[in-house]
Amino acid sequence: TGGSYRIVDVISGGVSNLALQRADLATTIQTGGLPAMVKKLAQL
């Protein structure tokens, strides 16, 4: 991205951090969009 390599995911123990975040936040995003996600992350 922009001339340098950047991290888009970290896999540990065969588990994708990106997939975990997506699963953890899916219901929140579905019901309240990105603003709900932002609020939930601030709480966490």
All heavy atoms as atom14 arrays in JSON, in Angstrom:
{
  "sequence": "TGGSYRIVDVISGGVSNLALQRADLATTIQTGGLPAMVKKLAQL",
  "atom14_mask": [
    [1, 1, 1, 1, 1, 1, 1, 0, 0, 0, 0, 0, 0, 0],
    [1, 1, 1, 1, 0, 0, 0, 0, 0, 0, 0, 0, 0, 0],
    [1, 1, 1, 1, 0, 0, 0, 0, 0, 0, 0, 0, 0, 0],
    [1, 1, 1, 1, 1, 1, 0, 0, 0, 0, 0, 0, 0, 0],
    [1, 1, 1, 1, 1, 1, 1, 1, 1, 1, 1, 1, 0, 0],
    [1, 1, 1, 1, 1, 1, 1, 1, 1, 1, 1, 0, 0, 0],
    [1, 1, 1, 1, 1, 1, 1, 1, 0, 0, 0, 0, 0, 0],
    [1, 1, 1, 1, 1, 1, 1, 0, 0, 0, 0, 0, 0, 0],
    [1, 1, 1, 1, 1, 1, 1, 1, 0, 0, 0, 0, 0, 0],
    [1, 1, 1, 1, 1, 1, 1, 0, 0, 0, 0, 0, 0, 0],
    [1, 1, 1, 1, 1, 1, 1, 1, 0, 0, 0, 0, 0, 0],
    [1, 1, 1, 1, 1, 1, 0, 0, 0, 0, 0, 0, 0, 0],
    [1, 1, 1, 1, 0, 0, 0, 0, 0, 0, 0, 0, 0, 0],
    [1, 1, 1, 1, 0, 0, 0, 0, 0, 0, 0, 0, 0, 0],
    [1, 1, 1, 1, 1, 1, 1, 0, 0, 0, 0, 0, 0, 0],
    [1, 1, 1, 1, 1, 1, 0, 0, 0, 0, 0, 0, 0, 0],
    [1, 1, 1, 1, 1, 1, 1, 1, 0, 0, 0, 0, 0, 0],
    [1, 1, 1, 1, 1, 1, 1, 1, 0, 0, 0, 0, 0, 0],
    [1, 1, 1, 1, 1, 0, 0, 0, 0, 0, 0, 0, 0, 0],
    [1, 1, 1, 1, 1, 1, 1, 1, 0, 0, 0, 0, 0, 0],
    [1, 1, 1, 1, 1, 1, 1, 1, 1, 0, 0, 0, 0, 0],
    [1, 1, 1, 1, 1, 1, 1, 1, 1, 1, 1, 0, 0, 0],
    [1, 1, 1, 1, 1, 0, 0, 0, 0, 0, 0, 0, 0, 0],
    [1, 1, 1, 1, 1, 1, 1, 1, 0, 0, 0, 0, 0, 0],
    [1, 1, 1, 1, 1, 1, 1, 1, 0, 0, 0, 0, 0, 0],
    [1, 1, 1, 1, 1, 0, 0, 0, 0, 0, 0, 0, 0, 0],
    [1, 1, 1, 1, 1, 1, 1, 0, 0, 0, 0, 0, 0, 0],
    [1, 1, 1, 1, 1, 1, 1, 0, 0, 0, 0, 0, 0, 0],
    [1, 1, 1, 1, 1, 1, 1, 1, 0, 0, 0, 0, 0, 0],
    [1, 1, 1, 1, 1, 1, 1, 1, 1, 0, 0, 0, 0, 0],
    [1, 1, 1, 1, 1, 1, 1, 0, 0, 0, 0, 0, 0, 0],
    [1, 1, 1, 1, 0, 0, 0, 0, 0, 0, 0, 0, 0, 0],
    [1, 1, 1, 1, 0, 0, 0, 0, 0, 0, 0, 0, 0, 0],
    [1, 1, 1, 1, 1, 1, 1, 1, 0, 0, 0, 0, 0, 0],
    [1, 1, 1, 1, 1, 1, 1, 0, 0, 0, 0, 0, 0, 0],
    [1, 1, 1, 1, 1, 0, 0, 0, 0, 0, 0, 0, 0, 0],
    [1, 1, 1, 1, 1, 1, 1, 1, 0, 0, 0, 0, 0, 0],
    [1, 1, 1, 1, 1, 1, 1, 0, 0, 0, 0, 0, 0, 0],
    [1, 1, 1, 1, 1, 1, 1, 1, 1, 0, 0, 0, 0, 0],
    [1, 1, 1, 1, 1, 1, 1, 1, 1, 0, 0, 0, 0, 0],
    [1, 1, 1, 1, 1, 1, 1, 1, 0, 0, 0, 0, 0, 0],
    [1, 1, 1, 1, 1, 0, 0, 0, 0, 0, 0, 0, 0, 0],
    [1, 1, 1, 1, 1, 1, 1, 1, 1, 0, 0, 0, 0, 0],
    [1, 1, 1, 1, 1, 1, 1, 1, 0, 0, 0, 0, 0, 0]
  ],
  "atom14_positions": [
    [[0.86, -1.18, 0.0], [0.0, 0.0, 0.0], [0.9, 1.23, 0.0], [1.73, 1.38, 0.9], [-0.89, 0.03, 1.26], [-1.64, -1.16, 1.32], [-1.82, 1.21, 1.26], [0.0, 0.0, 0.0], [0.0, 0.0, 0.0], [0.0, 0.0, 0.0], [0.0, 0.0, 0.0], [0.0, 0.0, 0.0], [0.0, 0.0, 0.0], [0.0, 0.0, 0.0]],
    [[0.74, 2.08, -0.97], [1.52, 3.32, -1.0], [3.01, 3.09, -1.05], [3.77, 3.87, -0.47], [0.0, 0.0, 0.0], [0.0, 0.0, 0.0], [0.0, 0.0, 0.0], [0.0, 0.0, 0.0], [0.0, 0.0, 0.0], [0.0, 0.0, 0.0], [0.0, 0.0, 0.0], [0.0, 0.0, 0.0], [0.0, 0.0, 0.0], [0.0, 0.0, 0.0]],
    [[3.45, 2.02, -1.69], [4.88, 1.78, -1.85], [5.55, 1.0, -0.75], [6.75, 0.78, -0.79], [0.0, 0.0, 0.0], [0.0, 0.0, 0.0], [0.0, 0.0, 0.0], [0.0, 0.0, 0.0], [0.0, 0.0, 0.0], [0.0, 0.0, 0.0], [0.0, 0.0, 0.0], [0.0, 0.0, 0.0], [0.0, 0.0, 0.0], [0.0, 0.0, 0.0]],
    [[4.8, 0.59, 0.27], [5.39, -0.25, 1.31], [4.41, -1.33, 1.74], [3.2, -1.18, 1.58], [5.81, 0.6, 2.52], [4.69, 1.14, 3.16], [0.0, 0.0, 0.0], [0.0, 0.0, 0.0], [0.0, 0.0, 0.0], [0.0, 0.0, 0.0], [0.0, 0.0, 0.0], [0.0, 0.0, 0.0], [0.0, 0.0, 0.0], [0.0, 0.0, 0.0]],
    [[4.96, -2.41, 2.24], [4.11, -3.5, 2.71], [3.6, -3.19, 4.11], [4.35, -2.75, 4.97], [4.88, -4.83, 2.7], [4.93, -5.42, 1.32], [6.0, -5.15, 0.47], [3.9, -6.21, 0.85], [6.02, -5.68, -0.81], [3.92, -6.75, -0.43], [4.99, -6.46, -1.25], [5.01, -6.98, -2.52], [0.0, 0.0, 0.0], [0.0, 0.0, 0.0]],
    [[2.29, -3.41, 4.27], [1.64, -3.17, 5.56], [0.85, -4.41, 5.98], [0.34, -5.14, 5.15], [0.71, -1.97, 5.48], [1.46, -0.67, 5.25], [0.49, 0.49, 5.12], [1.22, 1.72, 5.07], [1.43, 2.52, 6.12], [0.94, 2.21, 7.29], [2.11, 3.64, 5.99], [0.0, 0.0, 0.0], [0.0, 0.0, 0.0], [0.0, 0.0, 0.0]],
    [[0.74, -4.59, 7.27], [0.04, -5.75, 7.83], [-1.46, -5.57, 7.63], [-2.02, -4.52, 7.92], [0.36, -5.87, 9.34], [1.86, -6.04, 9.55], [-0.43, -7.02, 9.97], [2.32, -5.79, 10.98], [0.0, 0.0, 0.0], [0.0, 0.0, 0.0], [0.0, 0.0, 0.0], [0.0, 0.0, 0.0], [0.0, 0.0, 0.0], [0.0, 0.0, 0.0]],
    [[-2.11, -6.65, 7.13], [-3.57, -6.65, 7.01], [-4.21, -7.73, 7.89], [-5.41, -7.72, 8.1], [-4.06, -6.79, 5.55], [-3.69, -5.55, 4.75], [-3.54, -8.04, 4.9], [0.0, 0.0, 0.0], [0.0, 0.0, 0.0], [0.0, 0.0, 0.0], [0.0, 0.0, 0.0], [0.0, 0.0, 0.0], [0.0, 0.0, 0.0], [0.0, 0.0, 0.0]],
    [[-3.38, -8.65, 8.39], [-3.89, -9.7, 9.28], [-2.73, -10.34, 10.01], [-1.61, -10.37, 9.5], [-4.66, -10.75, 8.48], [-5.52, -11.68, 9.33], [-5.68, -11.41, 10.55], [-6.03, -12.67, 8.79], [0.0, 0.0, 0.0], [0.0, 0.0, 0.0], [0.0, 0.0, 0.0], [0.0, 0.0, 0.0], [0.0, 0.0, 0.0], [0.0, 0.0, 0.0]],
    [[-3.03, -10.85, 11.2], [-2.06, -11.62, 11.98], [-2.74, -12.95, 12.32], [-3.85, -12.96, 12.85], [-1.63, -10.88, 13.27], [-0.62, -11.71, 14.04], [-1.09, -9.49, 12.96], [0.0, 0.0, 0.0], [0.0, 0.0, 0.0], [0.0, 0.0, 0.0], [0.0, 0.0, 0.0], [0.0, 0.0, 0.0], [0.0, 0.0, 0.0], [0.0, 0.0, 0.0]],
    [[-2.06, -14.04, 11.99], [-2.6, -15.37, 12.25], [-1.77, -16.01, 13.36], [-0.54, -16.08, 13.27], [-2.58, -16.25, 10.98], [-3.48, -15.63, 9.9], [-3.06, -17.66, 11.27], [-2.76, -14.9, 8.85], [0.0, 0.0, 0.0], [0.0, 0.0, 0.0], [0.0, 0.0, 0.0], [0.0, 0.0, 0.0], [0.0, 0.0, 0.0], [0.0, 0.0, 0.0]],
    [[-2.44, -16.45, 14.4], [-1.78, -17.09, 15.54], [-2.52, -18.38, 15.87], [-3.75, -18.35, 16.03], [-1.79, -16.15, 16.75], [-1.26, -16.79, 17.88], [0.0, 0.0, 0.0], [0.0, 0.0, 0.0], [0.0, 0.0, 0.0], [0.0, 0.0, 0.0], [0.0, 0.0, 0.0], [0.0, 0.0, 0.0], [0.0, 0.0, 0.0], [0.0, 0.0, 0.0]],
    [[-1.8, -19.48, 15.96], [-2.45, -20.75, 16.25], [-3.46, -21.14, 15.19], [-4.46, -21.79, 15.5], [0.0, 0.0, 0.0], [0.0, 0.0, 0.0], [0.0, 0.0, 0.0], [0.0, 0.0, 0.0], [0.0, 0.0, 0.0], [0.0, 0.0, 0.0], [0.0, 0.0, 0.0], [0.0, 0.0, 0.0], [0.0, 0.0, 0.0], [0.0, 0.0, 0.0]],
    [[-3.23, -20.71, 13.95], [-4.14, -21.02, 12.86], [-5.38, -20.16, 12.82], [-6.27, -20.38, 12.0], [0.0, 0.0, 0.0], [0.0, 0.0, 0.0], [0.0, 0.0, 0.0], [0.0, 0.0, 0.0], [0.0, 0.0, 0.0], [0.0, 0.0, 0.0], [0.0, 0.0, 0.0], [0.0, 0.0, 0.0], [0.0, 0.0, 0.0], [0.0, 0.0, 0.0]],
    [[-5.47, -19.17, 13.71], [-6.67, -18.32, 13.8], [-6.33, -16.91, 13.31], [-5.37, -16.29, 13.78], [-7.2, -18.28, 15.25], [-8.41, -17.38, 15.34], [-7.52, -19.68, 15.74], [0.0, 0.0, 0.0], [0.0, 0.0, 0.0], [0.0, 0.0, 0.0], [0.0, 0.0, 0.0], [0.0, 0.0, 0.0], [0.0, 0.0, 0.0], [0.0, 0.0, 0.0]],
    [[-7.13, -16.42, 12.4], [-6.97, -15.08, 11.84], [-7.55, -14.03, 12.79], [-8.72, -14.11, 13.18], [-7.7, -15.01, 10.5], [-7.97, -13.68, 10.15], [0.0, 0.0, 0.0], [0.0, 0.0, 0.0], [0.0, 0.0, 0.0], [0.0, 0.0, 0.0], [0.0, 0.0, 0.0], [0.0, 0.0, 0.0], [0.0, 0.0, 0.0], [0.0, 0.0, 0.0]],
    [[-6.73, -13.06, 13.16], [-7.21, -11.96, 14.0], [-8.3, -11.18, 13.28], [-9.28, -10.75, 13.88], [-6.05, -11.05, 14.4], [-6.46, -10.01, 15.39], [-6.98, -10.32, 16.47], [-6.25, -8.75, 15.06], [0.0, 0.0, 0.0], [0.0, 0.0, 0.0], [0.0, 0.0, 0.0], [0.0, 0.0, 0.0], [0.0, 0.0, 0.0], [0.0, 0.0, 0.0]],
    [[-8.15, -11.0, 11.98], [-9.14, -10.29, 11.18], [-10.49, -11.0, 11.21], [-11.53, -10.38, 11.41], [-8.63, -10.16, 9.74], [-9.45, -9.35, 8.77], [-9.56, -7.9, 9.21], [-8.82, -9.42, 7.39], [0.0, 0.0, 0.0], [0.0, 0.0, 0.0], [0.0, 0.0, 0.0], [0.0, 0.0, 0.0], [0.0, 0.0, 0.0], [0.0, 0.0, 0.0]],
    [[-10.47, -12.32, 11.07], [-11.71, -13.1, 11.11], [-12.36, -13.01, 12.49], [-13.59, -12.9, 12.6], [-11.44, -14.56, 10.75], [0.0, 0.0, 0.0], [0.0, 0.0, 0.0], [0.0, 0.0, 0.0], [0.0, 0.0, 0.0], [0.0, 0.0, 0.0], [0.0, 0.0, 0.0], [0.0, 0.0, 0.0], [0.0, 0.0, 0.0], [0.0, 0.0, 0.0]],
    [[-11.55, -13.04, 13.54], [-12.09, -12.92, 14.9], [-12.76, -11.56, 15.1], [-13.87, -11.48, 15.65], [-10.99, -13.09, 15.95], [-10.51, -14.5, 16.23], [-9.34, -14.49, 17.21], [-11.64, -15.36, 16.77], [0.0, 0.0, 0.0], [0.0, 0.0, 0.0], [0.0, 0.0, 0.0], [0.0, 0.0, 0.0], [0.0, 0.0, 0.0], [0.0, 0.0, 0.0]],
    [[-12.08, -10.5, 14.67], [-12.66, -9.16, 14.82], [-13.97, -9.05, 14.04], [-14.94, -8.49, 14.54], [-11.68, -8.09, 14.33], [-10.54, -7.84, 15.28], [-9.62, -6.75, 14.78], [-9.44, -6.56, 13.58], [-9.03, -6.02, 15.7], [0.0, 0.0, 0.0], [0.0, 0.0, 0.0], [0.0, 0.0, 0.0], [0.0, 0.0, 0.0], [0.0, 0.0, 0.0]],
    [[-13.96, -9.58, 12.84], [-15.17, -9.49, 12.01], [-16.32, -10.24, 12.68], [-17.45, -9.75, 12.75], [-14.9, -10.05, 10.62], [-16.04, -9.8, 9.68], [-15.67, -10.1, 8.26], [-16.85, -9.81, 7.44], [-16.82, -9.68, 6.16], [-15.71, -9.8, 5.49], [-17.93, -9.43, 5.49], [0.0, 0.0, 0.0], [0.0, 0.0, 0.0], [0.0, 0.0, 0.0]],
    [[-16.05, -11.44, 13.21], [-17.09, -12.23, 13.88], [-17.56, -11.53, 15.16], [-18.77, -11.48, 15.44], [-16.56, -13.62, 14.2], [0.0, 0.0, 0.0], [0.0, 0.0, 0.0], [0.0, 0.0, 0.0], [0.0, 0.0, 0.0], [0.0, 0.0, 0.0], [0.0, 0.0, 0.0], [0.0, 0.0, 0.0], [0.0, 0.0, 0.0], [0.0, 0.0, 0.0]],
    [[-16.61, -11.0, 15.94], [-16.96, -10.34, 17.2], [-17.81, -9.09, 16.99], [-18.63, -8.74, 17.84], [-15.7, -9.96, 17.98], [-14.97, -11.15, 18.57], [-15.56, -12.25, 18.62], [-13.8, -10.98, 18.98], [0.0, 0.0, 0.0], [0.0, 0.0, 0.0], [0.0, 0.0, 0.0], [0.0, 0.0, 0.0], [0.0, 0.0, 0.0], [0.0, 0.0, 0.0]],
    [[-17.62, -8.41, 15.88], [-18.29, -7.13, 15.65], [-19.46, -7.21, 14.66], [-20.17, -6.23, 14.46], [-17.28, -6.09, 15.17], [-16.18, -5.75, 16.18], [-15.07, -4.94, 15.52], [-16.76, -5.0, 17.37], [0.0, 0.0, 0.0], [0.0, 0.0, 0.0], [0.0, 0.0, 0.0], [0.0, 0.0, 0.0], [0.0, 0.0, 0.0], [0.0, 0.0, 0.0]],
    [[-19.68, -8.38, 14.07], [-20.7, -8.52, 13.02], [-22.08, -8.08, 13.47], [-22.75, -7.29, 12.79], [-20.73, -9.95, 12.5], [0.0, 0.0, 0.0], [0.0, 0.0, 0.0], [0.0, 0.0, 0.0], [0.0, 0.0, 0.0], [0.0, 0.0, 0.0], [0.0, 0.0, 0.0], [0.0, 0.0, 0.0], [0.0, 0.0, 0.0], [0.0, 0.0, 0.0]],
    [[-22.55, -8.57, 14.61], [-23.89, -8.23, 15.08], [-23.99, -6.75, 15.4], [-24.99, -6.1, 15.06], [-24.25, -9.07, 16.32], [-24.17, -10.45, 15.95], [-25.65, -8.77, 16.82], [0.0, 0.0, 0.0], [0.0, 0.0, 0.0], [0.0, 0.0, 0.0], [0.0, 0.0, 0.0], [0.0, 0.0, 0.0], [0.0, 0.0, 0.0], [0.0, 0.0, 0.0]],
    [[-22.96, -6.21, 16.03], [-22.94, -4.79, 16.36], [-23.04, -3.94, 15.1], [-23.83, -2.99, 15.03], [-21.66, -4.44, 17.14], [-21.6, -5.22, 18.32], [-21.59, -2.98, 17.49], [0.0, 0.0, 0.0], [0.0, 0.0, 0.0], [0.0, 0.0, 0.0], [0.0, 0.0, 0.0], [0.0, 0.0, 0.0], [0.0, 0.0, 0.0], [0.0, 0.0, 0.0]],
    [[-22.26, -4.29, 14.09], [-22.27, -3.53, 12.83], [-23.61, -3.7, 12.12], [-24.16, -2.74, 11.58], [-21.1, -3.97, 11.93], [-19.76, -3.59, 12.57], [-21.21, -3.36, 10.54], [-18.55, -4.21, 11.93], [0.0, 0.0, 0.0], [0.0, 0.0, 0.0], [0.0, 0.0, 0.0], [0.0, 0.0, 0.0], [0.0, 0.0, 0.0], [0.0, 0.0, 0.0]],
    [[-24.15, -4.91, 12.15], [-25.43, -5.17, 11.49], [-26.56, -4.34, 12.09], [-27.41, -3.83, 11.37], [-25.76, -6.66, 11.62], [-26.34, -7.28, 10.4], [-26.41, -8.8, 10.56], [-26.39, -9.34, 11.66], [-26.51, -9.48, 9.44], [0.0, 0.0, 0.0], [0.0, 0.0, 0.0], [0.0, 0.0, 0.0], [0.0, 0.0, 0.0], [0.0, 0.0, 0.0]],
    [[-26.55, -4.2, 13.4], [-27.65, -3.48, 14.06], [-27.43, -1.97, 14.14], [-28.41, -1.22, 14.15], [-27.9, -4.03, 15.48], [-26.7, -3.91, 16.24], [-28.34, -5.47, 15.44], [0.0, 0.0, 0.0], [0.0, 0.0, 0.0], [0.0, 0.0, 0.0], [0.0, 0.0, 0.0], [0.0, 0.0, 0.0], [0.0, 0.0, 0.0], [0.0, 0.0, 0.0]],
    [[-26.19, -1.53, 14.2], [-25.96, -0.1, 14.4], [-24.95, 0.54, 13.49], [-24.59, 1.71, 13.66], [0.0, 0.0, 0.0], [0.0, 0.0, 0.0], [0.0, 0.0, 0.0], [0.0, 0.0, 0.0], [0.0, 0.0, 0.0], [0.0, 0.0, 0.0], [0.0, 0.0, 0.0], [0.0, 0.0, 0.0], [0.0, 0.0, 0.0], [0.0, 0.0, 0.0]],
    [[-24.44, -0.21, 12.5], [-23.47, 0.34, 11.57], [-22.12, 0.63, 12.21], [-21.83, 0.19, 13.32], [0.0, 0.0, 0.0], [0.0, 0.0, 0.0], [0.0, 0.0, 0.0], [0.0, 0.0, 0.0], [0.0, 0.0, 0.0], [0.0, 0.0, 0.0], [0.0, 0.0, 0.0], [0.0, 0.0, 0.0], [0.0, 0.0, 0.0], [0.0, 0.0, 0.0]],
    [[-21.34, 1.41, 11.51], [-20.0, 1.73, 12.0], [-20.01, 2.54, 13.3], [-19.15, 2.32, 14.15], [-19.19, 2.46, 10.91], [-18.9, 1.66, 9.65], [-18.0, 2.45, 8.72], [-18.3, 0.32, 9.95], [0.0, 0.0, 0.0], [0.0, 0.0, 0.0], [0.0, 0.0, 0.0], [0.0, 0.0, 0.0], [0.0, 0.0, 0.0], [0.0, 0.0, 0.0]],
    [[-20.97, 3.46, 13.51], [-20.97, 4.17, 14.79], [-21.11, 3.23, 15.99], [-20.48, 3.44, 17.04], [-22.17, 5.11, 14.68], [-22.3, 5.37, 13.2], [-21.95, 4.04, 12.57], [0.0, 0.0, 0.0], [0.0, 0.0, 0.0], [0.0, 0.0, 0.0], [0.0, 0.0, 0.0], [0.0, 0.0, 0.0], [0.0, 0.0, 0.0], [0.0, 0.0, 0.0]],
    [[-21.91, 2.17, 15.84], [-22.07, 1.2, 16.94], [-20.76, 0.45, 17.16], [-20.38, 0.15, 18.29], [-23.21, 0.24, 16.64], [0.0, 0.0, 0.0], [0.0, 0.0, 0.0], [0.0, 0.0, 0.0], [0.0, 0.0, 0.0], [0.0, 0.0, 0.0], [0.0, 0.0, 0.0], [0.0, 0.0, 0.0], [0.0, 0.0, 0.0], [0.0, 0.0, 0.0]],
    [[-20.06, 0.14, 16.08], [-18.77, -0.54, 16.19], [-17.77, 0.34, 16.94], [-17.06, -0.13, 17.84], [-18.22, -0.89, 14.82], [-16.88, -1.61, 14.87], [-16.12, -1.82, 13.24], [-15.31, -0.25, 13.07], [0.0, 0.0, 0.0], [0.0, 0.0, 0.0], [0.0, 0.0, 0.0], [0.0, 0.0, 0.0], [0.0, 0.0, 0.0], [0.0, 0.0, 0.0]],
    [[-17.74, 1.61, 16.6], [-16.82, 2.55, 17.26], [-17.12, 2.61, 18.75], [-16.21, 2.57, 19.59], [-16.93, 3.95, 16.6], [-16.21, 5.01, 17.43], [-16.38, 3.91, 15.18], [0.0, 0.0, 0.0], [0.0, 0.0, 0.0], [0.0, 0.0, 0.0], [0.0, 0.0, 0.0], [0.0, 0.0, 0.0], [0.0, 0.0, 0.0], [0.0, 0.0, 0.0]],
    [[-18.4, 2.68, 19.09], [-18.8, 2.73, 20.5], [-18.4, 1.45, 21.24], [-17.86, 1.5, 22.35], [-20.31, 2.95, 20.6], [-20.81, 3.11, 22.01], [-22.31, 3.41, 22.04], [-22.8, 3.51, 23.48], [-24.24, 3.77, 23.54], [0.0, 0.0, 0.0], [0.0, 0.0, 0.0], [0.0, 0.0, 0.0], [0.0, 0.0, 0.0], [0.0, 0.0, 0.0]],
    [[-18.62, 0.3, 20.61], [-18.28, -0.97, 21.25], [-16.77, -1.09, 21.46], [-16.31, -1.53, 22.52], [-18.79, -2.16, 20.44], [-18.46, -3.49, 21.1], [-19.14, -4.65, 20.44], [-18.81, -5.93, 21.22], [-19.56, -7.07, 20.74], [0.0, 0.0, 0.0], [0.0, 0.0, 0.0], [0.0, 0.0, 0.0], [0.0, 0.0, 0.0], [0.0, 0.0, 0.0]],
    [[-15.99, -0.7, 20.47], [-14.54, -0.76, 20.61], [-14.05, 0.15, 21.73], [-13.14, -0.22, 22.48], [-13.85, -0.41, 19.28], [-13.97, -1.46, 18.18], [-13.38, -0.93, 16.88], [-13.31, -2.77, 18.58], [0.0, 0.0, 0.0], [0.0, 0.0, 0.0], [0.0, 0.0, 0.0], [0.0, 0.0, 0.0], [0.0, 0.0, 0.0], [0.0, 0.0, 0.0]],
    [[-14.65, 1.32, 21.86], [-14.27, 2.23, 22.95], [-14.54, 1.58, 24.31], [-13.73, 1.71, 25.24], [-15.02, 3.55, 22.83], [0.0, 0.0, 0.0], [0.0, 0.0, 0.0], [0.0, 0.0, 0.0], [0.0, 0.0, 0.0], [0.0, 0.0, 0.0], [0.0, 0.0, 0.0], [0.0, 0.0, 0.0], [0.0, 0.0, 0.0], [0.0, 0.0, 0.0]],
    [[-15.64, 0.86, 24.43], [-15.95, 0.17, 25.67], [-14.94, -0.95, 25.94], [-14.46, -1.11, 27.06], [-17.38, -0.41, 25.65], [-18.46, 0.64, 25.64], [-19.83, 0.06, 25.27], [-19.95, -1.06, 24.8], [-20.86, 0.87, 25.47], [0.0, 0.0, 0.0], [0.0, 0.0, 0.0], [0.0, 0.0, 0.0], [0.0, 0.0, 0.0], [0.0, 0.0, 0.0]],
    [[-14.62, -1.71, 24.92], [-13.66, -2.8, 25.07], [-12.24, -2.32, 25.4], [-11.5, -2.99, 26.09], [-13.58, -3.64, 23.77], [-14.8, -4.44, 23.39], [-14.63, -5.04, 22.0], [-15.05, -5.55, 24.41], [0.0, 0.0, 0.0], [0.0, 0.0, 0.0], [0.0, 0.0, 0.0], [0.0, 0.0, 0.0], [0.0, 0.0, 0.0], [0.0, 0.0, 0.0]]
  ]
}
